[in-house]
Amino acid sequence: MKQKTLACPECGNKQRIWRKSRRNKAAGHIKHMWCYKCKAVTGHIEQPEHEVGELCKSDMERILRR
């Protein structure tokens, strides 16, 4: 199993989920899930494994345009 980091496009909050290796998704994959800061279901963006720092707004916009 691998731990993945997903970022909320609304507030930038990061949440971690565990995913089986065979069900791995590419960076930029959008998973709709509950954001506890926004108090709403938003399309969280999966971040690349090597990325540790905060995503800036321009990076999120670029990923969403794919």
Protein backbone atom coordinates (compact mmCIF):
# COMPACT_ATOMS: atom_id res chain seq x y z
CA MET A 1 0.00 0.00 0.00
CA LYS A 2 1.09 3.54 -0.73
CA GLN A 3 0.21 6.75 1.02
CA LYS A 4 -1.01 9.46 -1.35
CA THR A 5 -1.47 13.18 -0.76
CA LEU A 6 -4.49 15.01 -2.18
CA ALA A 7 -4.95 18.80 -2.10
CA CYS A 8 -8.26 20.65 -1.95
CA PRO A 9 -8.47 23.16 -4.85
CA GLU A 10 -10.62 25.54 -2.77
CA CYS A 11 -8.53 25.98 0.39
CA GLY A 12 -5.28 24.10 -0.37
CA ASN A 13 -5.76 21.73 2.58
CA LYS A 14 -3.89 18.45 2.16
CA GLN A 15 -5.28 15.07 3.12
CA ARG A 16 -3.58 11.71 2.96
CA ILE A 17 -5.15 8.48 1.87
CA TRP A 18 -3.86 4.92 1.55
CA ARG A 19 -4.17 3.24 -1.81
CA LYS A 20 -3.27 -0.28 -2.92
CA SER A 21 -0.26 -0.32 -5.26
CA ARG A 22 -2.19 -1.94 -8.09
CA ARG A 23 -4.86 0.80 -7.86
CA ASN A 24 -2.33 3.62 -8.10
CA LYS A 25 -3.43 6.83 -9.89
CA ALA A 26 -1.35 9.40 -11.75
CA ALA A 27 -0.57 12.86 -10.41
CA GLY A 28 -3.37 15.27 -11.26
CA HIS A 29 -6.10 12.66 -10.75
CA ILE A 30 -9.20 14.24 -9.21
CA LYS A 31 -10.95 12.45 -6.34
CA HIS A 32 -14.13 13.95 -4.95
CA MET A 33 -14.09 13.76 -1.19
CA TRP A 34 -15.12 15.70 1.91
CA CYS A 35 -12.86 18.59 2.92
CA TYR A 36 -13.10 19.20 6.65
CA LYS A 37 -11.94 22.82 6.29
CA CYS A 38 -14.34 23.80 3.46
CA LYS A 39 -17.16 21.67 4.91
CA ALA A 40 -18.05 20.51 1.38
CA VAL A 41 -17.28 17.80 -1.15
CA THR A 42 -14.57 19.09 -3.49
CA GLY A 43 -12.45 17.57 -6.25
CA HIS A 44 -9.15 16.96 -4.46
CA ILE A 45 -6.10 16.84 -6.75
CA GLU A 46 -3.62 14.02 -6.32
CA GLN A 47 -0.10 15.37 -5.99
CA PRO A 48 3.06 13.83 -7.40
CA GLU A 49 4.86 11.56 -4.94
CA HIS A 50 8.03 13.67 -4.98
CA GLU A 51 6.16 16.90 -4.21
CA VAL A 52 6.23 17.74 -0.53
CA GLY A 53 5.66 21.52 -0.42
CA GLU A 54 2.48 23.51 -0.85
CA LEU A 55 0.85 23.74 -4.26
CA CYS A 56 0.46 27.31 -5.36
CA LYS A 57 -2.74 28.47 -7.07
CA SER A 58 -1.14 28.54 -10.55
CA ASP A 59 -0.06 24.88 -10.17
CA MET A 60 -3.61 23.84 -9.21
CA GLU A 61 -5.06 25.77 -12.18
CA ARG A 62 -2.59 24.06 -14.54
CA ILE A 63 -3.54 20.60 -13.21
CA LEU A 64 -7.26 21.34 -13.47
CA ARG A 65 -6.92 22.40 -17.13
CA ARG A 66 -5.67 18.93 -18.19
